[in-house]
Amino acid sequence: METKTTTRIRLLDAAYALMLRKGYPATSVDDICQAADVSKGSFYHFFKSKQDLAIGVLEHHMDGAMEQIEAGLNLEGLDGVQRTLAYVRQIEAGSEELWSDGCLIGSFALALAETHPEIRSKVSDIFRDLEDHMEKIFEPLTRPGDPQSPPARELAEQFLVVIEGGVVLAKAHRDRRYLPQAIRCFRRYLEMLAQGQHTANC
């Protein structure tokens, strides 16, 4: 027997796939209901509008992506720098699967920032939450007081730029390899920072 939670998730998953493929403006409530095999009445039981659903999709997708990134990640016995590099390698290894069809967060930022302020605000919040999360991860690579050492926040922001840029190139060229390649280049930069930190501590 299907529960309310299951119906809501079906709507979220259907909307995610459609909006990623067709874009937000071209995806109608009828399209979503048909893809999810849910009545329009059920749709409006869970969501006030398509915009309300889109915000729910962003939250649902972000939670799922974070779970997927961290699944199977074993950091036991690693020091701070090793944990940072292991985390980035995990994202690199799973990047083609994670963003195989693009990034809905980035797509919304580009397409809807000027026309849907509530969605733009949600996208901004998600990116800031990601920056907060990644800032803590990159903290072991920083050397306080060293002007040559980039702040952890700057590394976090740049990492998101690398990912979003890699997604765009992968979509433009229809070649998923651009994304792991972009992350791999950033990881090598982090490894150089780690080596510099090790040298400074010797």
C-alpha atoms as a PDB file:
ATOM      1  CA  MET A   1       0.000   0.000   0.000  1.00  0.00           C
ATOM      2  CA  GLU A   2       1.385   3.369  -1.027  1.00  0.00           C
ATOM      3  CA  THR A   3       1.872   5.939   1.718  1.00  0.00           C
ATOM      4  CA  LYS A   4       1.650   9.727   1.515  1.00  0.00           C
ATOM      5  CA  THR A   5       5.420   9.893   1.843  1.00  0.00           C
ATOM      6  CA  THR A   6       5.875   7.564  -1.131  1.00  0.00           C
ATOM      7  CA  THR A   7       3.491   9.641  -3.271  1.00  0.00           C
ATOM      8  CA  ARG A   8       5.319  12.842  -2.373  1.00  0.00           C
ATOM      9  CA  ILE A   9       8.694  11.313  -3.250  1.00  0.00           C
ATOM     10  CA  ARG A  10       7.327  10.079  -6.592  1.00  0.00           C
ATOM     11  CA  LEU A  11       6.266  13.638  -7.401  1.00  0.00           C
ATOM     12  CA  LEU A  12       9.672  14.993  -6.361  1.00  0.00           C
ATOM     13  CA  ASP A  13      11.565  12.397  -8.397  1.00  0.00           C
ATOM     14  CA  ALA A  14       9.381  12.903 -11.465  1.00  0.00           C
ATOM     15  CA  ALA A  15       9.726  16.682 -11.253  1.00  0.00           C
ATOM     16  CA  TYR A  16      13.491  16.423 -10.831  1.00  0.00           C
ATOM     17  CA  ALA A  17      13.894  14.289 -13.961  1.00  0.00           C
ATOM     18  CA  LEU A  18      11.564  16.444 -16.064  1.00  0.00           C
ATOM     19  CA  MET A  19      12.932  19.815 -14.933  1.00  0.00           C
ATOM     20  CA  LEU A  20      16.489  18.662 -15.478  1.00  0.00           C
ATOM     21  CA  ARG A  21      15.697  17.433 -18.987  1.00  0.00           C
ATOM     22  CA  LYS A  22      13.162  20.034 -20.175  1.00  0.00           C
ATOM     23  CA  GLY A  23      13.789  22.976 -17.876  1.00  0.00           C
ATOM     24  CA  TYR A  24      11.494  24.508 -15.286  1.00  0.00           C
ATOM     25  CA  PRO A  25       9.339  26.678 -17.618  1.00  0.00           C
ATOM     26  CA  ALA A  26       8.645  23.817 -20.044  1.00  0.00           C
ATOM     27  CA  THR A  27       7.626  21.382 -17.297  1.00  0.00           C
ATOM     28  CA  SER A  28       3.951  21.600 -16.380  1.00  0.00           C
ATOM     29  CA  VAL A  29       2.087  20.263 -13.364  1.00  0.00           C
ATOM     30  CA  ASP A  30       0.240  17.924 -15.739  1.00  0.00           C
ATOM     31  CA  ASP A  31       3.590  16.577 -17.024  1.00  0.00           C
ATOM     32  CA  ILE A  32       4.741  15.897 -13.476  1.00  0.00           C
ATOM     33  CA  CYS A  33       1.494  14.209 -12.457  1.00  0.00           C
ATOM     34  CA  GLN A  34       1.538  12.021 -15.552  1.00  0.00           C
ATOM     35  CA  ALA A  35       5.176  10.993 -15.039  1.00  0.00           C
ATOM     36  CA  ALA A  36       4.557  10.236 -11.352  1.00  0.00           C
ATOM     37  CA  ASP A  37       1.188   8.542 -12.081  1.00  0.00           C
ATOM     38  CA  VAL A  38      -0.425  10.813  -9.500  1.00  0.00           C
ATOM     39  CA  SER A  39      -3.654  12.813  -9.747  1.00  0.00           C
ATOM     40  CA  LYS A  40      -3.586  16.586  -9.827  1.00  0.00           C
ATOM     41  CA  GLY A  41      -5.601  16.598  -6.624  1.00  0.00           C
ATOM     42  CA  SER A  42      -2.834  14.616  -4.932  1.00  0.00           C
ATOM     43  CA  PHE A  43      -0.272  17.056  -6.302  1.00  0.00           C
ATOM     44  CA  TYR A  44      -1.998  20.020  -4.678  1.00  0.00           C
ATOM     45  CA  HIS A  45      -2.365  18.072  -1.451  1.00  0.00           C
ATOM     46  CA  PHE A  46       1.424  18.150  -1.114  1.00  0.00           C
ATOM     47  CA  PHE A  47       2.421  21.344  -2.948  1.00  0.00           C
ATOM     48  CA  LYS A  48       0.792  24.765  -3.281  1.00  0.00           C
ATOM     49  CA  SER A  49       2.271  25.366  -6.736  1.00  0.00           C
ATOM     50  CA  LYS A  50       4.913  24.265  -9.206  1.00  0.00           C
ATOM     51  CA  GLN A  51       7.310  26.725  -7.582  1.00  0.00           C
ATOM     52  CA  ASP A  52       6.645  25.187  -4.169  1.00  0.00           C
ATOM     53  CA  LEU A  53       7.378  21.775  -5.678  1.00  0.00           C
ATOM     54  CA  ALA A  54      10.599  23.056  -7.276  1.00  0.00           C
ATOM     55  CA  ILE A  55      11.869  24.218  -3.887  1.00  0.00           C
ATOM     56  CA  GLY A  56      10.993  20.801  -2.454  1.00  0.00           C
ATOM     57  CA  VAL A  57      12.842  19.136  -5.335  1.00  0.00           C
ATOM     58  CA  LEU A  58      15.996  21.120  -4.560  1.00  0.00           C
ATOM     59  CA  GLU A  59      15.916  20.107  -0.893  1.00  0.00           C
ATOM     60  CA  HIS A  60      15.147  16.460  -1.672  1.00  0.00           C
ATOM     61  CA  HIS A  61      17.813  16.224  -4.372  1.00  0.00           C
ATOM     62  CA  MET A  62      20.455  17.891  -2.199  1.00  0.00           C
ATOM     63  CA  ASP A  63      19.849  15.480   0.672  1.00  0.00           C
ATOM     64  CA  GLY A  64      20.093  12.515  -1.693  1.00  0.00           C
ATOM     65  CA  ALA A  65      23.265  13.796  -3.339  1.00  0.00           C
ATOM     66  CA  MET A  66      25.015  14.282   0.019  1.00  0.00           C
ATOM     67  CA  GLU A  67      24.041  10.767   1.101  1.00  0.00           C
ATOM     68  CA  GLN A  68      25.363   9.388  -2.189  1.00  0.00           C
ATOM     69  CA  ILE A  69      28.649  11.283  -1.877  1.00  0.00           C
ATOM     70  CA  GLU A  70      29.328  10.104   1.663  1.00  0.00           C
ATOM     71  CA  ALA A  71      28.107   6.514   1.274  1.00  0.00           C
ATOM     72  CA  GLY A  72      31.014   4.135   1.763  1.00  0.00           C
ATOM     73  CA  LEU A  73      33.471   6.929   2.547  1.00  0.00           C
ATOM     74  CA  ASN A  74      35.889   5.536   5.134  1.00  0.00           C
ATOM     75  CA  LEU A  75      37.959   8.216   6.865  1.00  0.00           C
ATOM     76  CA  GLU A  76      38.982   6.130   9.850  1.00  0.00           C
ATOM     77  CA  GLY A  77      42.639   6.497  10.804  1.00  0.00           C
ATOM     78  CA  LEU A  78      43.293   9.433   8.470  1.00  0.00           C
ATOM     79  CA  ASP A  79      44.650  12.779   9.563  1.00  0.00           C
ATOM     80  CA  GLY A  80      42.961  16.055   8.605  1.00  0.00           C
ATOM     81  CA  VAL A  81      44.715  16.564   5.275  1.00  0.00           C
ATOM     82  CA  GLN A  82      44.252  12.922   4.273  1.00  0.00           C
ATOM     83  CA  ARG A  83      40.550  13.168   5.131  1.00  0.00           C
ATOM     84  CA  THR A  84      40.212  16.245   2.918  1.00  0.00           C
ATOM     85  CA  LEU A  85      41.875  14.588  -0.058  1.00  0.00           C
ATOM     86  CA  ALA A  86      39.897  11.360   0.440  1.00  0.00           C
ATOM     87  CA  TYR A  87      36.637  13.334   0.424  1.00  0.00           C
ATOM     88  CA  VAL A  88      37.547  15.092  -2.825  1.00  0.00           C
ATOM     89  CA  ARG A  89      38.592  11.787  -4.409  1.00  0.00           C
ATOM     90  CA  GLN A  90      35.207  10.343  -3.429  1.00  0.00           C
ATOM     91  CA  ILE A  91      33.411  13.166  -5.224  1.00  0.00           C
ATOM     92  CA  GLU A  92      35.722  12.814  -8.214  1.00  0.00           C
ATOM     93  CA  ALA A  93      35.053   9.068  -8.469  1.00  0.00           C
ATOM     94  CA  GLY A  94      31.285   9.492  -8.306  1.00  0.00           C
ATOM     95  CA  SER A  95      30.962  12.703 -10.298  1.00  0.00           C
ATOM     96  CA  GLU A  96      29.894  11.182 -13.617  1.00  0.00           C
ATOM     97  CA  GLU A  97      27.039   9.333 -11.925  1.00  0.00           C
ATOM     98  CA  LEU A  98      26.079  12.183  -9.595  1.00  0.00           C
ATOM     99  CA  TRP A  99      25.789  14.783 -12.345  1.00  0.00           C
ATOM    100  CA  SER A 100      25.234  12.536 -15.370  1.00  0.00           C
ATOM    101  CA  ASP A 101      22.248  14.623 -16.504  1.00  0.00           C
ATOM    102  CA  GLY A 102      23.449  17.997 -15.255  1.00  0.00           C
ATOM    103  CA  CYS A 103      22.921  19.966 -12.062  1.00  0.00           C
ATOM    104  CA  LEU A 104      19.415  21.224 -11.317  1.00  0.00           C
ATOM    105  CA  ILE A 105      20.680  23.717  -8.745  1.00  0.00           C
ATOM    106  CA  GLY A 106      22.960  25.354 -11.299  1.00  0.00           C
ATOM    107  CA  SER A 107      20.287  25.202 -13.985  1.00  0.00           C
ATOM    108  CA  PHE A 108      17.801  26.997 -11.738  1.00  0.00           C
ATOM    109  CA  ALA A 109      20.414  29.615 -10.841  1.00  0.00           C
ATOM    110  CA  LEU A 110      21.013  30.413 -14.506  1.00  0.00           C
ATOM    111  CA  ALA A 111      17.446  30.233 -15.784  1.00  0.00           C
ATOM    112  CA  LEU A 112      15.302  31.511 -12.913  1.00  0.00           C
ATOM    113  CA  ALA A 113      17.360  33.998 -10.893  1.00  0.00           C
ATOM    114  CA  GLU A 114      15.647  37.041 -12.426  1.00  0.00           C
ATOM    115  CA  THR A 115      12.118  35.663 -12.672  1.00  0.00           C
ATOM    116  CA  HIS A 116      11.617  33.525  -9.555  1.00  0.00           C
ATOM    117  CA  PRO A 117      13.145  35.244  -6.511  1.00  0.00           C
ATOM    118  CA  GLU A 118      12.012  32.537  -4.079  1.00  0.00           C
ATOM    119  CA  ILE A 119      13.752  29.827  -6.097  1.00  0.00           C
ATOM    120  CA  ARG A 120      16.847  32.038  -6.499  1.00  0.00           C
ATOM    121  CA  SER A 121      16.919  32.540  -2.736  1.00  0.00           C
ATOM    122  CA  LYS A 122      16.660  28.784  -2.135  1.00  0.00           C
ATOM    123  CA  VAL A 123      19.451  28.096  -4.622  1.00  0.00           C
ATOM    124  CA  SER A 124      21.620  30.699  -2.894  1.00  0.00           C
ATOM    125  CA  ASP A 125      20.909  29.102   0.496  1.00  0.00           C
ATOM    126  CA  ILE A 126      21.876  25.660  -0.817  1.00  0.00           C
ATOM    127  CA  PHE A 127      25.138  26.934  -2.260  1.00  0.00           C
ATOM    128  CA  ARG A 128      25.971  28.706   1.010  1.00  0.00           C
ATOM    129  CA  ASP A 129      25.221  25.543   2.977  1.00  0.00           C
ATOM    130  CA  LEU A 130      27.552  23.644   0.650  1.00  0.00           C
ATOM    131  CA  GLU A 131      30.234  26.294   1.102  1.00  0.00           C
ATOM    132  CA  ASP A 132      29.855  26.001   4.887  1.00  0.00           C
ATOM    133  CA  HIS A 133      30.169  22.221   4.669  1.00  0.00           C
ATOM    134  CA  MET A 134      33.161  22.255   2.334  1.00  0.00           C
ATOM    135  CA  GLU A 135      34.897  25.021   4.287  1.00  0.00           C
ATOM    136  CA  LYS A 136      35.166  22.653   7.258  1.00  0.00           C
ATOM    137  CA  ILE A 137      36.494  19.903   5.001  1.00  0.00           C
ATOM    138  CA  PHE A 138      39.203  22.156   3.508  1.00  0.00           C
ATOM    139  CA  GLU A 139      40.243  23.667   6.836  1.00  0.00           C
ATOM    140  CA  PRO A 140      43.173  21.224   7.372  1.00  0.00           C
ATOM    141  CA  LEU A 141      44.836  22.540   4.208  1.00  0.00           C
ATOM    142  CA  THR A 142      45.056  26.131   5.442  1.00  0.00           C
ATOM    143  CA  ARG A 143      47.936  27.758   7.279  1.00  0.00           C
ATOM    144  CA  PRO A 144      46.669  30.647   9.419  1.00  0.00           C
ATOM    145  CA  GLY A 145      48.861  33.706   9.151  1.00  0.00           C
ATOM    146  CA  ASP A 146      50.437  32.605   5.866  1.00  0.00           C
ATOM    147  CA  PRO A 147      49.418  35.039   3.085  1.00  0.00           C
ATOM    148  CA  GLN A 148      50.238  32.381   0.478  1.00  0.00           C
ATOM    149  CA  SER A 149      47.750  29.936   1.994  1.00  0.00           C
ATOM    150  CA  PRO A 150      44.229  30.332   0.563  1.00  0.00           C
ATOM    151  CA  PRO A 151      41.423  30.487   3.153  1.00  0.00           C
ATOM    152  CA  ALA A 152      39.260  27.397   3.504  1.00  0.00           C
ATOM    153  CA  ARG A 153      36.194  29.408   2.459  1.00  0.00           C
ATOM    154  CA  GLU A 154      37.888  30.410  -0.771  1.00  0.00           C
ATOM    155  CA  LEU A 155      38.770  26.784  -1.509  1.00  0.00           C
ATOM    156  CA  ALA A 156      35.170  25.760  -0.828  1.00  0.00           C
ATOM    157  CA  GLU A 157      33.803  28.405  -3.192  1.00  0.00           C
ATOM    158  CA  GLN A 158      36.332  27.506  -5.889  1.00  0.00           C
ATOM    159  CA  PHE A 159      35.463  23.817  -5.603  1.00  0.00           C
ATOM    160  CA  LEU A 160      31.818  24.593  -6.355  1.00  0.00           C
ATOM    161  CA  VAL A 161      32.905  26.726  -9.319  1.00  0.00           C
ATOM    162  CA  VAL A 162      34.957  23.774 -10.606  1.00  0.00           C
ATOM    163  CA  ILE A 163      32.024  21.381 -10.274  1.00  0.00           C
ATOM    164  CA  GLU A 164      29.467  23.684 -11.899  1.00  0.00           C
ATOM    165  CA  GLY A 165      31.877  24.568 -14.708  1.00  0.00           C
ATOM    166  CA  GLY A 166      32.610  20.894 -15.298  1.00  0.00           C
ATOM    167  CA  VAL A 167      28.889  20.148 -15.473  1.00  0.00           C
ATOM    168  CA  VAL A 168      28.388  22.875 -18.083  1.00  0.00           C
ATOM    169  CA  LEU A 169      31.266  21.634 -20.257  1.00  0.00           C
ATOM    170  CA  ALA A 170      30.098  18.027 -19.945  1.00  0.00           C
ATOM    171  CA  LYS A 171      26.624  19.046 -21.111  1.00  0.00           C
ATOM    172  CA  ALA A 172      27.907  21.268 -23.917  1.00  0.00           C
ATOM    173  CA  HIS A 173      30.233  18.612 -25.314  1.00  0.00           C
ATOM    174  CA  ARG A 174      28.020  15.653 -24.372  1.00  0.00           C
ATOM    175  CA  ASP A 175      31.033  14.119 -22.665  1.00  0.00           C
ATOM    176  CA  ARG A 176      30.829  13.255 -18.969  1.00  0.00           C
ATOM    177  CA  ARG A 177      34.608  13.050 -18.655  1.00  0.00           C
ATOM    178  CA  TYR A 178      34.920  16.823 -18.397  1.00  0.00           C
ATOM    179  CA  LEU A 179      33.577  16.790 -14.842  1.00  0.00           C
ATOM    180  CA  PRO A 180      35.936  14.251 -13.219  1.00  0.00           C
ATOM    181  CA  GLN A 181      38.772  15.848 -15.186  1.00  0.00           C
ATOM    182  CA  ALA A 182      37.957  19.259 -13.696  1.00  0.00           C
ATOM    183  CA  ILE A 183      37.751  17.829 -10.174  1.00  0.00           C
ATOM    184  CA  ARG A 184      40.984  15.880 -10.702  1.00  0.00           C
ATOM    185  CA  CYS A 185      42.828  19.092 -11.638  1.00  0.00           C
ATOM    186  CA  PHE A 186      41.496  20.778  -8.506  1.00  0.00           C
ATOM    187  CA  ARG A 187      42.510  17.783  -6.391  1.00  0.00           C
ATOM    188  CA  ARG A 188      46.052  18.007  -7.733  1.00  0.00           C
ATOM    189  CA  TYR A 189      46.121  21.650  -6.699  1.00  0.00           C
ATOM    190  CA  LEU A 190      45.006  20.597  -3.206  1.00  0.00           C
ATOM    191  CA  GLU A 191      47.758  17.984  -3.123  1.00  0.00           C
ATOM    192  CA  MET A 192      50.303  20.701  -3.896  1.00  0.00           C
ATOM    193  CA  LEU A 193      48.898  22.771  -1.044  1.00  0.00           C
ATOM    194  CA  ALA A 194      49.179  19.747   1.224  1.00  0.00           C
ATOM    195  CA  GLN A 195      52.777  19.188   0.165  1.00  0.00           C
ATOM    196  CA  GLY A 196      53.569  22.828   0.824  1.00  0.00           C
ATOM    197  CA  GLN A 197      52.030  22.546   4.259  1.00  0.00           C
ATOM    198  CA  HIS A 198      54.108  19.472   4.998  1.00  0.00           C
ATOM    199  CA  THR A 199      57.292  21.260   3.876  1.00  0.00           C
ATOM    200  CA  ALA A 200      56.446  24.297   6.015  1.00  0.00           C
ATOM    201  CA  ASN A 201      55.982  22.067   9.061  1.00  0.00           C
ATOM    202  CA  CYS A 202      59.292  20.261   8.611  1.00  0.00           C
END
